[in-house]
């Protein structure tokens, strides 16, 4: 089976993912899991384990919060590019609040 993330390497890890009540199986290679973990911002105990079959569950509220966070980060990037620093500061503050909700509360 080929990794469903990169589409190049052999998938050596199988995960059951539940997103808003829909169950799916995904197959990932070790390199992709390492990359996902490195960029996730999650504490060590919440990162995806290599070489194990596990279940990853994502709620609709969690997805909404993470999407909102991504949207704010995109707006922040645009505000900085456009030199709208007051808007950027406000967006930065909103991002800090959401990051605490997403990463500190274990979501």
PDB file of N, CA and C in Angstrom:
ATOM      1  N   UNK A   1       0.851  -1.177   0.000  1.00  0.00           N
ATOM      2  CA  UNK A   1       0.000   0.000   0.000  1.00  0.00           C
ATOM      3  C   UNK A   1       0.900   1.244   0.000  1.00  0.00           C
ATOM      4  N   UNK A   2       0.533   2.217  -0.793  1.00  0.00           N
ATOM      5  CA  UNK A   2       1.284   3.479  -0.884  1.00  0.00           C
ATOM      6  C   UNK A   2       0.714   4.483   0.122  1.00  0.00           C
ATOM      7  N   UNK A   3       1.584   5.302   0.680  1.00  0.00           N
ATOM      8  CA  UNK A   3       1.189   6.342   1.634  1.00  0.00           C
ATOM      9  C   UNK A   3       0.138   7.255   1.002  1.00  0.00           C
ATOM     10  N   UNK A   4      -0.945   7.476   1.728  1.00  0.00           N
ATOM     11  CA  UNK A   4      -2.024   8.317   1.218  1.00  0.00           C
ATOM     12  C   UNK A   4      -1.737   9.806   1.397  1.00  0.00           C
ATOM     13  N   UNK A   5      -0.656  10.141   2.076  1.00  0.00           N
ATOM     14  CA  UNK A   5      -0.303  11.546   2.276  1.00  0.00           C
ATOM     15  C   UNK A   5       0.660  12.025   1.193  1.00  0.00           C
ATOM     16  N   UNK A   6       1.767  11.313   1.022  1.00  0.00           N
ATOM     17  CA  UNK A   6       2.765  11.738   0.028  1.00  0.00           C
ATOM     18  C   UNK A   6       2.572  11.057  -1.327  1.00  0.00           C
ATOM     19  N   UNK A   7       1.964   9.863  -1.316  1.00  0.00           N
ATOM     20  CA  UNK A   7       1.741   9.133  -2.549  1.00  0.00           C
ATOM     21  C   UNK A   7       3.003   8.533  -3.150  1.00  0.00           C
ATOM     22  N   UNK A   8       4.099   8.485  -2.373  1.00  0.00           N
ATOM     23  CA  UNK A   8       5.380   7.987  -2.891  1.00  0.00           C
ATOM     24  C   UNK A   8       5.865   6.743  -2.156  1.00  0.00           C
ATOM     25  N   UNK A   9       5.939   6.838  -0.839  1.00  0.00           N
ATOM     26  CA  UNK A   9       6.554   5.791  -0.031  1.00  0.00           C
ATOM     27  C   UNK A   9       5.567   4.688   0.321  1.00  0.00           C
ATOM     28  N   UNK A  10       6.124   3.556   0.751  1.00  0.00           N
ATOM     29  CA  UNK A  10       5.300   2.449   1.221  1.00  0.00           C
ATOM     30  C   UNK A  10       4.683   2.832   2.565  1.00  0.00           C
ATOM     31  N   UNK A  11       3.372   2.649   2.685  1.00  0.00           N
ATOM     32  CA  UNK A  11       2.671   2.944   3.937  1.00  0.00           C
ATOM     33  C   UNK A  11       2.923   1.809   4.917  1.00  0.00           C
ATOM     34  N   UNK A  12       3.491   2.136   6.060  1.00  0.00           N
ATOM     35  CA  UNK A  12       3.802   1.129   7.071  1.00  0.00           C
ATOM     36  C   UNK A  12       2.947   1.293   8.316  1.00  0.00           C
ATOM     37  N   UNK A  13       2.027   2.263   8.299  1.00  0.00           N
ATOM     38  CA  UNK A  13       1.205   2.558   9.455  1.00  0.00           C
ATOM     39  C   UNK A  13      -0.253   2.698   9.024  1.00  0.00           C
ATOM     40  N   UNK A  14      -1.142   2.070   9.785  1.00  0.00           N
ATOM     41  CA  UNK A  14      -2.569   2.122   9.477  1.00  0.00           C
ATOM     42  C   UNK A  14      -3.279   2.820  10.633  1.00  0.00           C
ATOM     43  N   UNK A  15      -4.147   3.769  10.306  1.00  0.00           N
ATOM     44  CA  UNK A  15      -4.880   4.514  11.321  1.00  0.00           C
ATOM     45  C   UNK A  15      -6.365   4.510  10.999  1.00  0.00           C
ATOM     46  N   UNK A  16      -7.156   4.432  12.027  1.00  0.00           N
ATOM     47  CA  UNK A  16      -8.601   4.563  11.902  1.00  0.00           C
ATOM     48  C   UNK A  16      -8.914   6.000  12.305  1.00  0.00           C
ATOM     49  N   UNK A  17      -9.532   6.735  11.412  1.00  0.00           N
ATOM     50  CA  UNK A  17      -9.826   8.135  11.664  1.00  0.00           C
ATOM     51  C   UNK A  17     -11.335   8.313  11.706  1.00  0.00           C
ATOM     52  N   UNK A  18     -11.810   8.995  12.731  1.00  0.00           N
ATOM     53  CA  UNK A  18     -13.225   9.306  12.843  1.00  0.00           C
ATOM     54  C   UNK A  18     -13.350  10.816  12.778  1.00  0.00           C
ATOM     55  N   UNK A  19     -13.883  11.299  11.665  1.00  0.00           N
ATOM     56  CA  UNK A  19     -14.082  12.732  11.481  1.00  0.00           C
ATOM     57  C   UNK A  19     -15.573  12.988  11.404  1.00  0.00           C
ATOM     58  N   UNK A  20     -16.075  13.654  12.426  1.00  0.00           N
ATOM     59  CA  UNK A  20     -17.497  13.993  12.505  1.00  0.00           C
ATOM     60  C   UNK A  20     -18.383  12.778  12.281  1.00  0.00           C
ATOM     61  N   UNK A  21     -18.019  11.655  12.908  1.00  0.00           N
ATOM     62  CA  UNK A  21     -18.834  10.453  12.850  1.00  0.00           C
ATOM     63  C   UNK A  21     -18.604   9.549  11.657  1.00  0.00           C
ATOM     64  N   UNK A  22     -17.725   9.945  10.748  1.00  0.00           N
ATOM     65  CA  UNK A  22     -17.433   9.127   9.572  1.00  0.00           C
ATOM     66  C   UNK A  22     -16.106   8.416   9.795  1.00  0.00           C
ATOM     67  N   UNK A  23     -16.143   7.074   9.784  1.00  0.00           N
ATOM     68  CA  UNK A  23     -14.930   6.286   9.995  1.00  0.00           C
ATOM     69  C   UNK A  23     -14.215   6.028   8.677  1.00  0.00           C
ATOM     70  N   UNK A  24     -12.907   6.214   8.681  1.00  0.00           N
ATOM     71  CA  UNK A  24     -12.069   5.952   7.505  1.00  0.00           C
ATOM     72  C   UNK A  24     -10.786   5.289   7.984  1.00  0.00           C
ATOM     73  N   UNK A  25     -10.157   4.556   7.097  1.00  0.00           N
ATOM     74  CA  UNK A  25      -8.824   4.024   7.347  1.00  0.00           C
ATOM     75  C   UNK A  25      -7.848   4.811   6.487  1.00  0.00           C
ATOM     76  N   UNK A  26      -6.733   5.201   7.076  1.00  0.00           N
ATOM     77  CA  UNK A  26      -5.694   5.873   6.293  1.00  0.00           C
ATOM     78  C   UNK A  26      -4.383   5.130   6.506  1.00  0.00           C
ATOM     79  N   UNK A  27      -3.562   5.170   5.484  1.00  0.00           N
ATOM     80  CA  UNK A  27      -2.271   4.483   5.499  1.00  0.00           C
ATOM     81  C   UNK A  27      -1.192   5.514   5.242  1.00  0.00           C
ATOM     82  N   UNK A  28      -0.210   5.597   6.167  1.00  0.00           N
ATOM     83  CA  UNK A  28       0.846   6.603   6.083  1.00  0.00           C
ATOM     84  C   UNK A  28       2.222   5.972   6.233  1.00  0.00           C
ATOM     85  N   UNK A  29       3.213   6.595   5.592  1.00  0.00           N
ATOM     86  CA  UNK A  29       4.603   6.152   5.751  1.00  0.00           C
ATOM     87  C   UNK A  29       5.212   6.831   6.986  1.00  0.00           C
ATOM     88  N   UNK A  30       6.333   6.295   7.447  1.00  0.00           N
ATOM     89  CA  UNK A  30       7.008   6.855   8.617  1.00  0.00           C
ATOM     90  C   UNK A  30       7.431   8.299   8.396  1.00  0.00           C
ATOM     91  N   UNK A  31       7.926   8.628   7.199  1.00  0.00           N
ATOM     92  CA  UNK A  31       8.389   9.988   6.920  1.00  0.00           C
ATOM     93  C   UNK A  31       7.257  11.005   7.055  1.00  0.00           C
ATOM     94  N   UNK A  32       6.080  10.666   6.545  1.00  0.00           N
ATOM     95  CA  UNK A  32       4.946  11.588   6.626  1.00  0.00           C
ATOM     96  C   UNK A  32       4.489  11.770   8.068  1.00  0.00           C
ATOM     97  N   UNK A  33       4.484  10.686   8.841  1.00  0.00           N
ATOM     98  CA  UNK A  33       4.084  10.795  10.245  1.00  0.00           C
ATOM     99  C   UNK A  33       5.074  11.682  10.990  1.00  0.00           C
ATOM    100  N   UNK A  34       6.355  11.507  10.725  1.00  0.00           N
ATOM    101  CA  UNK A  34       7.363  12.358  11.378  1.00  0.00           C
ATOM    102  C   UNK A  34       7.161  13.821  10.998  1.00  0.00           C
ATOM    103  N   UNK A  35       6.863  14.083   9.735  1.00  0.00           N
ATOM    104  CA  UNK A  35       6.619  15.451   9.281  1.00  0.00           C
ATOM    105  C   UNK A  35       5.370  16.049   9.900  1.00  0.00           C
ATOM    106  N   UNK A  36       4.314  15.252   9.968  1.00  0.00           N
ATOM    107  CA  UNK A  36       3.074  15.722  10.586  1.00  0.00           C
ATOM    108  C   UNK A  36       3.311  16.049  12.055  1.00  0.00           C
ATOM    109  N   UNK A  37       3.995  15.163  12.759  1.00  0.00           N
ATOM    110  CA  UNK A  37       4.281  15.401  14.173  1.00  0.00           C
ATOM    111  C   UNK A  37       5.163  16.626  14.377  1.00  0.00           C
ATOM    112  N   UNK A  38       6.149  16.806  13.526  1.00  0.00           N
ATOM    113  CA  UNK A  38       7.075  17.932  13.676  1.00  0.00           C
ATOM    114  C   UNK A  38       6.371  19.268  13.489  1.00  0.00           C
ATOM    115  N   UNK A  39       5.335  19.300  12.658  1.00  0.00           N
ATOM    116  CA  UNK A  39       4.649  20.547  12.354  1.00  0.00           C
ATOM    117  C   UNK A  39       3.314  20.701  13.067  1.00  0.00           C
ATOM    118  N   UNK A  40       2.960  19.767  13.931  1.00  0.00           N
ATOM    119  CA  UNK A  40       1.630  19.786  14.541  1.00  0.00           C
ATOM    120  C   UNK A  40       1.503  20.765  15.695  1.00  0.00           C
ATOM    121  N   UNK A  41       2.599  21.022  16.394  1.00  0.00           N
ATOM    122  CA  UNK A  41       2.526  21.864  17.575  1.00  0.00           C
ATOM    123  C   UNK A  41       1.933  21.148  18.779  1.00  0.00           C
ATOM    124  N   UNK A  42       1.717  19.850  18.653  1.00  0.00           N
ATOM    125  CA  UNK A  42       1.128  19.083  19.746  1.00  0.00           C
ATOM    126  C   UNK A  42       2.188  18.661  20.750  1.00  0.00           C
ATOM    127  N   UNK A  43       1.790  18.501  22.022  1.00  0.00           N
ATOM    128  CA  UNK A  43       2.731  17.959  22.996  1.00  0.00           C
ATOM    129  C   UNK A  43       3.086  16.519  22.625  1.00  0.00           C
ATOM    130  N   UNK A  44       4.208  16.053  23.119  1.00  0.00           N
ATOM    131  CA  UNK A  44       4.745  14.731  22.751  1.00  0.00           C
ATOM    132  C   UNK A  44       3.731  13.606  22.944  1.00  0.00           C
ATOM    133  N   UNK A  45       2.964  13.637  24.037  1.00  0.00           N
ATOM    134  CA  UNK A  45       2.034  12.545  24.316  1.00  0.00           C
ATOM    135  C   UNK A  45       0.829  12.509  23.374  1.00  0.00           C
ATOM    136  N   UNK A  46       0.621  13.575  22.574  1.00  0.00           N
ATOM    137  CA  UNK A  46      -0.512  13.605  21.649  1.00  0.00           C
ATOM    138  C   UNK A  46      -0.098  13.379  20.197  1.00  0.00           C
ATOM    139  N   UNK A  47       1.184  13.178  19.964  1.00  0.00           N
ATOM    140  CA  UNK A  47       1.643  12.967  18.597  1.00  0.00           C
ATOM    141  C   UNK A  47       1.319  11.556  18.131  1.00  0.00           C
ATOM    142  N   UNK A  48       1.259  11.375  16.819  1.00  0.00           N
ATOM    143  CA  UNK A  48       0.941  10.078  16.227  1.00  0.00           C
ATOM    144  C   UNK A  48       2.118   9.135  16.431  1.00  0.00           C
ATOM    145  N   UNK A  49       1.838   7.926  16.899  1.00  0.00           N
ATOM    146  CA  UNK A  49       2.897   6.948  17.128  1.00  0.00           C
ATOM    147  C   UNK A  49       3.221   6.195  15.846  1.00  0.00           C
ATOM    148  N   UNK A  50       4.499   5.922  15.662  1.00  0.00           N
ATOM    149  CA  UNK A  50       4.944   5.125  14.524  1.00  0.00           C
ATOM    150  C   UNK A  50       4.742   3.646  14.806  1.00  0.00           C
ATOM    151  N   UNK A  51       4.465   2.899  13.751  1.00  0.00           N
ATOM    152  CA  UNK A  51       4.422   1.451  13.837  1.00  0.00           C
ATOM    153  C   UNK A  51       3.294   0.884  14.661  1.00  0.00           C
ATOM    154  N   UNK A  52       2.250   1.645  14.836  1.00  0.00           N
ATOM    155  CA  UNK A  52       1.131   1.116  15.602  1.00  0.00           C
ATOM    156  C   UNK A  52      -0.170   1.376  14.867  1.00  0.00           C
ATOM    157  N   UNK A  53      -1.119   0.519  15.095  1.00  0.00           N
ATOM    158  CA  UNK A  53      -2.449   0.739  14.546  1.00  0.00           C
ATOM    159  C   UNK A  53      -3.245   1.443  15.633  1.00  0.00           C
ATOM    160  N   UNK A  54      -3.752   2.617  15.337  1.00  0.00           N
ATOM    161  CA  UNK A  54      -4.474   3.362  16.355  1.00  0.00           C
ATOM    162  C   UNK A  54      -5.642   4.112  15.750  1.00  0.00           C
ATOM    163  N   UNK A  55      -6.449   4.685  16.637  1.00  0.00           N
ATOM    164  CA  UNK A  55      -7.622   5.437  16.218  1.00  0.00           C
ATOM    165  C   UNK A  55      -7.404   6.909  16.505  1.00  0.00           C
ATOM    166  N   UNK A  56      -7.713   7.732  15.528  1.00  0.00           N
ATOM    167  CA  UNK A  56      -7.625   9.179  15.674  1.00  0.00           C
ATOM    168  C   UNK A  56      -9.046   9.704  15.519  1.00  0.00           C
ATOM    169  N   UNK A  57      -9.522  10.429  16.515  1.00  0.00           N
ATOM    170  CA  UNK A  57     -10.893  10.924  16.480  1.00  0.00           C
ATOM    171  C   UNK A  57     -10.894  12.446  16.439  1.00  0.00           C
ATOM    172  N   UNK A  58     -11.671  13.012  15.531  1.00  0.00           N
ATOM    173  CA  UNK A  58     -11.741  14.458  15.383  1.00  0.00           C
ATOM    174  C   UNK A  58     -13.211  14.862  15.408  1.00  0.00           C
ATOM    175  N   UNK A  59     -13.572  15.758  16.331  1.00  0.00           N
ATOM    176  CA  UNK A  59     -14.962  16.194  16.431  1.00  0.00           C
ATOM    177  C   UNK A  59     -15.223  17.376  15.511  1.00  0.00           C
ATOM    178  N   UNK A  60     -16.487  17.646  15.254  1.00  0.00           N
ATOM    179  CA  UNK A  60     -16.835  18.778  14.390  1.00  0.00           C
ATOM    180  C   UNK A  60     -16.434  20.092  15.042  1.00  0.00           C
ATOM    181  N   UNK A  61     -16.570  20.213  16.362  1.00  0.00           N
ATOM    182  CA  UNK A  61     -16.178  21.454  17.048  1.00  0.00           C
ATOM    183  C   UNK A  61     -14.670  21.669  16.954  1.00  0.00           C
ATOM    184  N   UNK A  62     -13.925  20.579  17.086  1.00  0.00           N
ATOM    185  CA  UNK A  62     -12.470  20.669  16.978  1.00  0.00           C
ATOM    186  C   UNK A  62     -12.066  21.110  15.575  1.00  0.00           C
ATOM    187  N   UNK A  63     -12.726  20.546  14.561  1.00  0.00           N
ATOM    188  CA  UNK A  63     -12.431  20.943  13.187  1.00  0.00           C
ATOM    189  C   UNK A  63     -12.755  22.408  12.950  1.00  0.00           C
ATOM    190  N   UNK A  64     -13.888  22.858  13.466  1.00  0.00           N
ATOM    191  CA  UNK A  64     -14.265  24.263  13.312  1.00  0.00           C
ATOM    192  C   UNK A  64     -13.229  25.181  13.946  1.00  0.00           C
ATOM    193  N   UNK A  65     -12.762  24.808  15.124  1.00  0.00           N
ATOM    194  CA  UNK A  65     -11.769  25.627  15.827  1.00  0.00           C
ATOM    195  C   UNK A  65     -10.457  25.660  15.059  1.00  0.00           C
ATOM    196  N   UNK A  66     -10.019  24.512  14.561  1.00  0.00           N
ATOM    197  CA  UNK A  66      -8.762  24.463  13.811  1.00  0.00           C
ATOM    198  C   UNK A  66      -8.874  25.214  12.489  1.00  0.00           C
ATOM    199  N   UNK A  67     -10.034  25.133  11.843  1.00  0.00           N
ATOM    200  CA  UNK A  67     -10.236  25.891  10.603  1.00  0.00           C
ATOM    201  C   UNK A  67     -10.212  27.390  10.880  1.00  0.00           C
ATOM    202  N   UNK A  68     -10.827  27.803  11.981  1.00  0.00           N
ATOM    203  CA  UNK A  68     -10.817  29.219  12.374  1.00  0.00           C
ATOM    204  C   UNK A  68      -9.375  29.672  12.625  1.00  0.00           C
ATOM    205  N   UNK A  69      -8.599  28.831  13.292  1.00  0.00           N
ATOM    206  CA  UNK A  69      -7.202  29.147  13.556  1.00  0.00           C
ATOM    207  C   UNK A  69      -6.427  29.307  12.251  1.00  0.00           C
ATOM    208  N   UNK A  70      -6.613  28.406  11.316  1.00  0.00           N
ATOM    209  CA  UNK A  70      -5.937  28.499  10.016  1.00  0.00           C
ATOM    210  C   UNK A  70      -6.340  29.767   9.274  1.00  0.00           C
ATOM    211  N   UNK A  71      -7.625  30.104   9.342  1.00  0.00           N
ATOM    212  CA  UNK A  71      -8.120  31.308   8.676  1.00  0.00           C
ATOM    213  C   UNK A  71      -7.486  32.560   9.286  1.00  0.00           C
ATOM    214  N   UNK A  72      -7.389  32.607  10.605  1.00  0.00           N
ATOM    215  CA  UNK A  72      -6.767  33.758  11.262  1.00  0.00           C
ATOM    216  C   UNK A  72      -5.284  33.861  10.919  1.00  0.00           C
ATOM    217  N   UNK A  73      -4.604  32.735  10.841  1.00  0.00           N
ATOM    218  CA  UNK A  73      -3.182  32.756  10.483  1.00  0.00           C
ATOM    219  C   UNK A  73      -2.988  33.274   9.062  1.00  0.00           C
ATOM    220  N   UNK A  74      -3.883  32.901   8.169  1.00  0.00           N
ATOM    221  CA  UNK A  74      -3.816  33.385   6.792  1.00  0.00           C
ATOM    222  C   UNK A  74      -4.056  34.894   6.757  1.00  0.00           C
ATOM    223  N   UNK A  75      -5.067  35.367   7.514  1.00  0.00           N
ATOM    224  CA  UNK A  75      -5.358  36.803   7.575  1.00  0.00           C
ATOM    225  C   UNK A  75      -4.181  37.567   8.178  1.00  0.00           C
ATOM    226  N   UNK A  76      -3.546  36.988   9.186  1.00  0.00           N
ATOM    227  CA  UNK A  76      -2.381  37.619   9.802  1.00  0.00           C
ATOM    228  C   UNK A  76      -1.257  37.787   8.783  1.00  0.00           C
ATOM    229  N   UNK A  77      -1.002  36.747   8.033  1.00  0.00           N
ATOM    230  CA  UNK A  77       0.039  36.808   7.006  1.00  0.00           C
ATOM    231  C   UNK A  77      -0.251  37.916   5.998  1.00  0.00           C
ATOM    232  N   UNK A  78      -1.497  38.019   5.570  1.00  0.00           N
ATOM    233  CA  UNK A  78      -1.875  39.073   4.625  1.00  0.00           C
ATOM    234  C   UNK A  78      -1.764  40.460   5.242  1.00  0.00           C
ATOM    235  N   UNK A  79      -2.143  40.596   6.503  1.00  0.00           N
ATOM    236  CA  UNK A  79      -2.064  41.891   7.182  1.00  0.00           C
ATOM    237  C   UNK A  79      -0.614  42.362   7.287  1.00  0.00           C
ATOM    238  N   UNK A  80       0.285  41.447   7.601  1.00  0.00           N
ATOM    239  CA  UNK A  80       1.708  41.803   7.694  1.00  0.00           C
ATOM    240  C   UNK A  80       2.247  42.174   6.317  1.00  0.00           C
ATOM    241  N   UNK A  81       1.890  41.400   5.306  1.00  0.00           N
ATOM    242  CA  UNK A  81       2.331  41.695   3.942  1.00  0.00           C
ATOM    243  C   UNK A  81       1.856  43.079   3.498  1.00  0.00           C
ATOM    244  N   UNK A  82       0.622  43.429   3.876  1.00  0.00           N
ATOM    245  CA  UNK A  82       0.039  44.724   3.506  1.00  0.00           C
ATOM    246  C   UNK A  82       0.416  45.849   4.472  1.00  0.00           C
ATOM    247  N   UNK A  83       1.265  45.521   5.455  1.00  0.00           N
ATOM    248  CA  UNK A  83       1.737  46.482   6.463  1.00  0.00           C
ATOM    249  C   UNK A  83       0.592  47.090   7.273  1.00  0.00           C
ATOM    250  N   UNK A  84      -0.421  46.280   7.558  1.00  0.00           N
ATOM    251  CA  UNK A  84      -1.525  46.684   8.423  1.00  0.00           C
ATOM    252  C   UNK A  84      -1.232  46.116   9.818  1.00  0.00           C
ATOM    253  N   UNK A  85      -0.341  46.802  10.534  1.00  0.00           N
ATOM    254  CA  UNK A  85       0.201  46.248  11.762  1.00  0.00           C
ATOM    255  C   UNK A  85      -0.794  46.227  12.920  1.00  0.00           C
ATOM    256  N   UNK A  86      -1.724  47.175  12.979  1.00  0.00           N
ATOM    257  CA  UNK A  86      -2.734  47.137  14.038  1.00  0.00           C
ATOM    258  C   UNK A  86      -3.654  45.929  13.852  1.00  0.00           C
ATOM    259  N   UNK A  87      -4.052  45.681  12.602  1.00  0.00           N
ATOM    260  CA  UNK A  87      -4.858  44.489  12.311  1.00  0.00           C
ATOM    261  C   UNK A  87      -4.072  43.225  12.644  1.00  0.00           C
ATOM    262  N   UNK A  88      -2.795  43.232  12.295  1.00  0.00           N
ATOM    263  CA  UNK A  88      -1.941  42.070  12.552  1.00  0.00           C
ATOM    264  C   UNK A  88      -1.841  41.790  14.052  1.00  0.00           C
ATOM    265  N   UNK A  89      -1.711  42.835  14.854  1.00  0.00           N
ATOM    266  CA  UNK A  89      -1.619  42.650  16.308  1.00  0.00           C
ATOM    267  C   UNK A  89      -2.917  42.063  16.866  1.00  0.00           C
ATOM    268  N   UNK A  90      -4.045  42.549  16.378  1.00  0.00           N
ATOM    269  CA  UNK A  90      -5.331  42.021  16.812  1.00  0.00           C
ATOM    270  C   UNK A  90      -5.479  40.550  16.422  1.00  0.00           C
ATOM    271  N   UNK A  91      -5.100  40.228  15.196  1.00  0.00           N
ATOM    272  CA  UNK A  91      -5.166  38.841  14.728  1.00  0.00           C
ATOM    273  C   UNK A  91      -4.237  37.941  15.529  1.00  0.00           C
ATOM    274  N   UNK A  92      -3.044  38.441  15.834  1.00  0.00           N
ATOM    275  CA  UNK A  92      -2.087  37.677  16.646  1.00  0.00           C
ATOM    276  C   UNK A  92      -2.693  37.313  18.001  1.00  0.00           C
ATOM    277  N   UNK A  93      -3.384  38.289  18.613  1.00  0.00           N
ATOM    278  CA  UNK A  93      -4.007  38.041  19.916  1.00  0.00           C
ATOM    279  C   UNK A  93      -5.123  36.997  19.814  1.00  0.00           C
ATOM    280  N   UNK A  94      -5.918  37.073  18.754  1.00  0.00           N
ATOM    281  CA  UNK A  94      -6.985  36.086  18.545  1.00  0.00           C
ATOM    282  C   UNK A  94      -6.392  34.686  18.340  1.00  0.00           C
ATOM    283  N   UNK A  95      -5.288  34.619  17.614  1.00  0.00           N
ATOM    284  CA  UNK A  95      -4.610  33.341  17.360  1.00  0.00           C
ATOM    285  C   UNK A  95      -4.109  32.733  18.658  1.00  0.00           C
ATOM    286  N   UNK A  96      -3.520  33.554  19.538  1.00  0.00           N
ATOM    287  CA  UNK A  96      -3.011  33.045  20.818  1.00  0.00           C
ATOM    288  C   UNK A  96      -4.125  32.406  21.645  1.00  0.00           C
ATOM    289  N   UNK A  97      -5.297  33.033  21.647  1.00  0.00           N
ATOM    290  CA  UNK A  97      -6.429  32.493  22.394  1.00  0.00           C
ATOM    291  C   UNK A  97      -6.848  31.135  21.822  1.00  0.00           C
ATOM    292  N   UNK A  98      -6.976  31.059  20.498  1.00  0.00           N
ATOM    293  CA  UNK A  98      -7.383  29.796  19.868  1.00  0.00           C
ATOM    294  C   UNK A  98      -6.325  28.713  20.019  1.00  0.00           C
ATOM    295  N   UNK A  99      -5.044  29.082  19.934  1.00  0.00           N
ATOM    296  CA  UNK A  99      -3.981  28.086  20.093  1.00  0.00           C
ATOM    297  C   UNK A  99      -4.041  27.455  21.479  1.00  0.00           C
ATOM    298  N   UNK A 100      -4.334  28.243  22.486  1.00  0.00           N
ATOM    299  CA  UNK A 100      -4.466  27.677  23.829  1.00  0.00           C
ATOM    300  C   UNK A 100      -5.616  26.677  23.871  1.00  0.00           C
ATOM    301  N   UNK A 101      -6.715  27.014  23.218  1.00  0.00           N
ATOM    302  CA  UNK A 101      -7.866  26.119  23.186  1.00  0.00           C
ATOM    303  C   UNK A 101      -7.552  24.832  22.422  1.00  0.00           C
ATOM    304  N   UNK A 102      -6.856  24.963  21.308  1.00  0.00           N
ATOM    305  CA  UNK A 102      -6.565  23.809  20.463  1.00  0.00           C
ATOM    306  C   UNK A 102      -5.451  22.948  21.044  1.00  0.00           C
ATOM    307  N   UNK A 103      -4.347  23.558  21.453  1.00  0.00           N
ATOM    308  CA  UNK A 103      -3.169  22.784  21.839  1.00  0.00           C
ATOM    309  C   UNK A 103      -3.019  22.546  23.333  1.00  0.00           C
ATOM    310  N   UNK A 104      -3.425  23.485  24.161  1.00  0.00           N
ATOM    311  CA  UNK A 104      -3.267  23.305  25.596  1.00  0.00           C
ATOM    312  C   UNK A 104      -4.359  22.406  26.153  1.00  0.00           C
ATOM    313  N   UNK A 105      -5.563  22.540  25.654  1.00  0.00           N
ATOM    314  CA  UNK A 105      -6.666  21.723  26.146  1.00  0.00           C
ATOM    315  C   UNK A 105      -6.702  20.347  25.506  1.00  0.00           C
ATOM    316  N   UNK A 106      -5.723  20.030  24.693  1.00  0.00           N
ATOM    317  CA  UNK A 106      -5.610  18.695  24.130  1.00  0.00           C
ATOM    318  C   UNK A 106      -6.528  18.410  22.957  1.00  0.00           C
ATOM    319  N   UNK A 107      -7.041  19.432  22.333  1.00  0.00           N
ATOM    320  CA  UNK A 107      -7.919  19.212  21.192  1.00  0.00           C
ATOM    321  C   UNK A 107      -7.110  18.951  19.951  1.00  0.00           C
TER     322      UNK A 107
END
